N, C-alpha and C. Protein backbone atom coordinates (compact mmCIF):
# COMPACT_ATOMS: atom_id res chain seq x y z
N UNK A 1 58.87 81.00 88.09
CA UNK A 1 59.93 80.03 88.23
C UNK A 1 60.27 79.86 89.71
N UNK A 2 60.56 78.64 90.13
CA UNK A 2 60.94 78.43 91.54
C UNK A 2 62.20 79.22 91.90
N UNK A 3 62.38 79.45 93.19
CA UNK A 3 63.57 80.18 93.62
C UNK A 3 64.06 79.69 94.98
N UNK A 4 65.36 79.87 95.18
CA UNK A 4 65.97 79.65 96.49
C UNK A 4 66.33 81.02 97.02
N UNK A 5 65.89 81.32 98.23
CA UNK A 5 66.22 82.59 98.86
C UNK A 5 67.24 82.32 99.96
N UNK A 6 68.38 83.01 99.87
CA UNK A 6 69.46 82.91 100.84
C UNK A 6 69.42 84.12 101.74
N UNK A 7 69.43 83.90 103.04
CA UNK A 7 69.41 85.00 104.01
C UNK A 7 70.76 84.99 104.72
N UNK A 8 71.48 86.09 104.57
CA UNK A 8 72.79 86.23 105.20
C UNK A 8 72.64 86.49 106.70
N UNK A 9 73.69 86.28 107.48
CA UNK A 9 73.62 86.54 108.93
C UNK A 9 73.16 87.95 109.28
N UNK A 10 73.45 88.93 108.40
CA UNK A 10 73.03 90.31 108.67
C UNK A 10 71.59 90.60 108.22
N UNK A 11 70.89 89.57 107.68
CA UNK A 11 69.51 89.73 107.25
C UNK A 11 69.34 90.01 105.77
N UNK A 12 70.42 90.29 105.05
CA UNK A 12 70.32 90.54 103.61
C UNK A 12 69.80 89.30 102.92
N UNK A 13 68.83 89.50 102.02
CA UNK A 13 68.19 88.39 101.30
C UNK A 13 68.53 88.45 99.82
N UNK A 14 68.74 87.28 99.24
CA UNK A 14 68.97 87.20 97.79
C UNK A 14 68.23 85.98 97.26
N UNK A 15 67.34 86.21 96.31
CA UNK A 15 66.55 85.13 95.71
C UNK A 15 67.10 84.83 94.32
N UNK A 16 67.28 83.54 94.04
CA UNK A 16 67.84 83.11 92.77
C UNK A 16 66.88 82.11 92.12
N UNK A 17 66.44 82.39 90.88
CA UNK A 17 65.56 81.45 90.18
C UNK A 17 66.31 80.15 89.89
N UNK A 18 65.62 79.02 90.06
CA UNK A 18 66.23 77.70 89.85
C UNK A 18 65.23 76.76 89.18
N UNK A 19 65.77 75.73 88.59
CA UNK A 19 64.94 74.65 88.05
C UNK A 19 64.74 73.60 89.14
N UNK A 20 63.65 72.84 89.08
CA UNK A 20 63.49 71.74 90.02
C UNK A 20 64.72 70.81 89.95
N UNK A 21 65.16 70.35 91.12
CA UNK A 21 66.34 69.49 91.18
C UNK A 21 67.63 70.22 91.48
N UNK A 22 67.65 71.54 91.32
CA UNK A 22 68.86 72.32 91.63
C UNK A 22 69.09 72.27 93.13
N UNK A 23 70.36 72.15 93.54
CA UNK A 23 70.64 72.09 94.98
C UNK A 23 70.95 73.47 95.53
N UNK A 24 70.72 73.60 96.81
CA UNK A 24 71.02 74.85 97.52
C UNK A 24 72.51 75.17 97.39
N UNK A 25 73.37 74.17 97.55
CA UNK A 25 74.82 74.39 97.49
C UNK A 25 75.29 74.78 96.10
N UNK A 26 74.95 74.00 95.07
CA UNK A 26 75.42 74.31 93.72
C UNK A 26 74.89 75.64 93.22
N UNK A 27 73.65 75.96 93.56
CA UNK A 27 73.09 77.25 93.16
C UNK A 27 73.86 78.39 93.81
N UNK A 28 74.19 78.24 95.09
CA UNK A 28 74.96 79.28 95.80
C UNK A 28 76.33 79.46 95.19
N UNK A 29 77.03 78.37 94.92
CA UNK A 29 78.38 78.45 94.35
C UNK A 29 78.34 79.08 92.96
N UNK A 30 77.40 78.66 92.13
CA UNK A 30 77.30 79.18 90.76
C UNK A 30 76.95 80.66 90.73
N UNK A 31 76.33 81.17 91.80
CA UNK A 31 75.89 82.57 91.84
C UNK A 31 76.66 83.40 92.86
N UNK A 32 77.81 82.88 93.31
CA UNK A 32 78.69 83.61 94.23
C UNK A 32 77.97 84.10 95.48
N UNK A 33 77.16 83.25 96.07
CA UNK A 33 76.48 83.59 97.32
C UNK A 33 77.50 83.45 98.45
N UNK A 34 77.79 84.52 99.18
CA UNK A 34 78.75 84.44 100.29
C UNK A 34 78.28 83.48 101.38
N UNK A 35 79.24 82.81 102.00
CA UNK A 35 78.94 81.98 103.15
C UNK A 35 78.76 80.51 102.86
N UNK A 36 78.70 80.12 101.61
CA UNK A 36 78.63 78.71 101.24
C UNK A 36 79.98 78.33 100.66
N UNK A 37 80.78 77.59 101.44
CA UNK A 37 82.15 77.27 101.06
C UNK A 37 82.20 76.05 100.14
N UNK A 38 81.49 75.00 100.48
CA UNK A 38 81.37 73.80 99.64
C UNK A 38 82.71 73.14 99.32
N UNK A 39 83.51 72.92 100.34
CA UNK A 39 84.86 72.35 100.14
C UNK A 39 84.85 70.98 99.48
N UNK A 40 83.88 70.14 99.78
CA UNK A 40 83.89 68.77 99.22
C UNK A 40 83.15 68.67 97.90
N UNK A 41 82.57 69.76 97.42
CA UNK A 41 81.91 69.75 96.12
C UNK A 41 80.57 69.06 96.08
N UNK A 42 79.99 68.78 97.22
CA UNK A 42 78.65 68.20 97.24
C UNK A 42 78.57 66.74 97.63
N UNK A 43 79.63 66.21 98.22
CA UNK A 43 79.66 64.80 98.59
C UNK A 43 79.21 64.53 100.02
N UNK A 44 78.67 65.51 100.70
CA UNK A 44 78.24 65.39 102.10
C UNK A 44 79.39 64.93 103.00
N UNK A 45 80.57 65.52 102.79
CA UNK A 45 81.75 65.11 103.53
C UNK A 45 82.43 66.24 104.30
N UNK A 46 81.84 67.44 104.33
CA UNK A 46 82.56 68.53 104.99
C UNK A 46 81.72 69.49 105.83
N UNK A 47 80.45 69.59 105.62
CA UNK A 47 79.54 70.49 106.34
C UNK A 47 79.83 71.97 106.12
N UNK A 48 80.54 72.32 105.03
CA UNK A 48 80.79 73.74 104.75
C UNK A 48 79.73 74.35 103.83
N UNK A 49 78.64 73.63 103.64
CA UNK A 49 77.46 74.19 102.96
C UNK A 49 76.26 74.15 103.91
N UNK A 50 76.57 74.12 105.20
CA UNK A 50 75.55 74.07 106.25
C UNK A 50 74.64 75.29 106.15
N UNK A 51 73.34 75.03 106.24
CA UNK A 51 72.34 76.11 106.26
C UNK A 51 71.29 75.78 107.30
N UNK A 52 70.56 76.81 107.70
CA UNK A 52 69.40 76.65 108.57
C UNK A 52 68.17 76.88 107.69
N UNK A 53 67.33 75.87 107.57
CA UNK A 53 66.16 75.95 106.70
C UNK A 53 65.03 76.69 107.42
N UNK A 54 64.47 77.67 106.73
CA UNK A 54 63.36 78.45 107.27
C UNK A 54 62.20 77.51 107.63
N UNK A 55 61.48 77.86 108.68
CA UNK A 55 60.41 77.00 109.19
C UNK A 55 59.40 76.58 108.12
N UNK A 56 58.96 77.52 107.29
CA UNK A 56 57.97 77.20 106.26
C UNK A 56 58.53 76.25 105.20
N UNK A 57 59.84 76.28 104.98
CA UNK A 57 60.45 75.43 103.96
C UNK A 57 60.74 74.02 104.45
N UNK A 58 60.86 73.83 105.75
CA UNK A 58 61.22 72.52 106.30
C UNK A 58 60.25 71.42 105.86
N UNK A 59 58.98 71.70 105.90
CA UNK A 59 57.98 70.69 105.56
C UNK A 59 58.00 70.30 104.08
N UNK A 60 58.65 71.11 103.25
CA UNK A 60 58.70 70.85 101.82
C UNK A 60 59.83 69.91 101.43
N UNK A 61 60.70 69.60 102.37
CA UNK A 61 61.91 68.85 102.07
C UNK A 61 61.86 67.43 102.62
N UNK A 62 62.56 66.51 101.97
CA UNK A 62 62.64 65.15 102.52
C UNK A 62 63.44 65.16 103.81
N UNK A 63 63.31 64.12 104.62
CA UNK A 63 64.05 64.07 105.88
C UNK A 63 65.56 63.96 105.68
N UNK A 64 66.28 64.27 106.74
CA UNK A 64 67.75 64.19 106.74
C UNK A 64 68.17 62.73 106.62
N UNK A 65 69.13 62.46 105.74
CA UNK A 65 69.65 61.09 105.61
C UNK A 65 70.62 60.80 106.75
N UNK A 66 70.97 59.55 106.91
CA UNK A 66 71.90 59.15 107.96
C UNK A 66 73.27 59.79 107.76
N UNK A 67 73.75 59.83 106.52
CA UNK A 67 75.06 60.44 106.23
C UNK A 67 75.02 61.93 106.54
N UNK A 68 73.98 62.61 106.11
CA UNK A 68 73.84 64.04 106.38
C UNK A 68 73.75 64.29 107.88
N UNK A 69 73.00 63.47 108.57
CA UNK A 69 72.83 63.59 110.01
C UNK A 69 74.19 63.54 110.72
N UNK A 70 75.02 62.59 110.35
CA UNK A 70 76.34 62.46 110.96
C UNK A 70 77.23 63.66 110.65
N UNK A 71 77.21 64.13 109.41
CA UNK A 71 78.06 65.25 109.01
C UNK A 71 77.63 66.55 109.70
N UNK A 72 76.36 66.73 109.96
CA UNK A 72 75.88 67.95 110.62
C UNK A 72 76.43 68.10 112.03
N UNK A 73 76.85 67.01 112.64
CA UNK A 73 77.45 67.08 113.98
C UNK A 73 78.75 67.87 113.98
N UNK A 74 79.40 68.01 112.83
CA UNK A 74 80.67 68.74 112.75
C UNK A 74 80.52 70.15 112.18
N UNK A 75 79.30 70.63 112.05
CA UNK A 75 79.07 71.97 111.51
C UNK A 75 79.69 73.02 112.43
N UNK A 76 80.43 73.96 111.85
CA UNK A 76 81.16 74.97 112.62
C UNK A 76 80.25 75.89 113.42
N UNK A 77 79.10 76.25 112.87
CA UNK A 77 78.21 77.20 113.56
C UNK A 77 77.25 76.54 114.52
N UNK A 78 77.36 75.28 114.72
CA UNK A 78 76.49 74.60 115.66
C UNK A 78 75.22 74.13 115.01
N UNK A 79 74.90 72.90 115.28
CA UNK A 79 73.71 72.30 114.71
C UNK A 79 72.46 72.76 115.44
N UNK A 80 71.40 72.96 114.67
CA UNK A 80 70.08 73.27 115.20
C UNK A 80 69.08 72.25 114.65
N UNK A 81 67.87 72.33 115.13
CA UNK A 81 66.83 71.42 114.65
C UNK A 81 66.58 71.58 113.15
N UNK A 82 66.80 72.77 112.61
CA UNK A 82 66.55 73.04 111.20
C UNK A 82 67.83 73.04 110.36
N UNK A 83 68.92 72.47 110.88
CA UNK A 83 70.18 72.40 110.13
C UNK A 83 70.09 71.38 109.01
N UNK A 84 70.66 71.75 107.87
CA UNK A 84 70.77 70.84 106.73
C UNK A 84 72.06 71.16 106.00
N UNK A 85 72.51 70.22 105.18
CA UNK A 85 73.62 70.47 104.26
C UNK A 85 73.01 70.92 102.95
N UNK A 86 73.48 72.05 102.44
CA UNK A 86 72.94 72.59 101.20
C UNK A 86 73.11 71.65 100.02
N UNK A 87 74.15 70.83 100.05
CA UNK A 87 74.38 69.89 98.95
C UNK A 87 73.34 68.77 98.93
N UNK A 88 72.63 68.59 100.01
CA UNK A 88 71.64 67.52 100.11
C UNK A 88 70.20 68.02 99.95
N UNK A 89 70.05 69.31 99.68
CA UNK A 89 68.72 69.88 99.50
C UNK A 89 68.53 70.22 98.02
N UNK A 90 67.70 69.45 97.36
CA UNK A 90 67.34 69.72 95.97
C UNK A 90 65.96 70.36 95.92
N UNK A 91 65.79 71.31 95.03
CA UNK A 91 64.50 71.99 94.88
C UNK A 91 63.46 70.97 94.41
N UNK A 92 62.44 70.72 95.25
CA UNK A 92 61.41 69.74 94.87
C UNK A 92 60.51 70.26 93.75
N UNK A 93 59.99 69.35 92.95
CA UNK A 93 59.01 69.72 91.93
C UNK A 93 57.79 70.33 92.61
N UNK A 94 57.24 71.36 91.99
CA UNK A 94 56.01 71.97 92.49
C UNK A 94 56.17 72.94 93.64
N UNK A 95 57.40 73.16 94.10
CA UNK A 95 57.66 74.11 95.19
C UNK A 95 58.10 75.44 94.59
N UNK A 96 57.52 76.52 95.05
CA UNK A 96 57.85 77.85 94.51
C UNK A 96 59.09 78.47 95.14
N UNK A 97 59.32 78.20 96.44
CA UNK A 97 60.45 78.85 97.11
C UNK A 97 60.93 78.01 98.30
N UNK A 98 62.24 77.96 98.44
CA UNK A 98 62.89 77.44 99.63
C UNK A 98 63.70 78.60 100.21
N UNK A 99 63.60 78.81 101.51
CA UNK A 99 64.35 79.88 102.17
C UNK A 99 65.34 79.22 103.14
N UNK A 100 66.61 79.61 102.99
CA UNK A 100 67.66 79.10 103.88
C UNK A 100 68.43 80.26 104.47
N UNK A 101 68.87 80.09 105.71
CA UNK A 101 69.66 81.09 106.42
C UNK A 101 71.09 80.58 106.49
N UNK A 102 72.03 81.42 106.12
CA UNK A 102 73.44 81.05 106.12
C UNK A 102 74.04 81.35 107.48
N UNK A 103 74.74 80.36 108.06
CA UNK A 103 75.37 80.57 109.37
C UNK A 103 76.47 81.62 109.29
N UNK A 104 76.88 82.11 110.44
CA UNK A 104 77.92 83.15 110.48
C UNK A 104 79.30 82.61 110.11
N UNK A 105 79.53 81.32 110.24
CA UNK A 105 80.82 80.74 109.84
C UNK A 105 80.62 79.32 109.35
N UNK A 106 81.51 78.88 108.46
CA UNK A 106 81.46 77.52 107.94
C UNK A 106 82.74 76.75 108.27
N UNK A 107 83.79 77.45 108.65
CA UNK A 107 85.08 76.77 108.91
C UNK A 107 85.39 76.72 110.37
């Protein structure tokens, strides 16, 4: 079964099995993954589900949308080239694993 692996700032890893289409944000909230606040509930309006996508996983995902791009500018931990909003990352069909790193702060 596909999985999303969350890497905490201290390096702790947690892998959660998911179905295709599950989002990084909703999966984190449903499984009490620390560091994903998700204040807006997935509307791409707050950047509190900001993650850094692992290099190998970046190529598996669609490009950043214009709305997501604008919201990432307000991310508390600072935007990087691999920054994404977890609410905008859905597990693609045929992908076995997505790895995301959680920033040290979301607020």
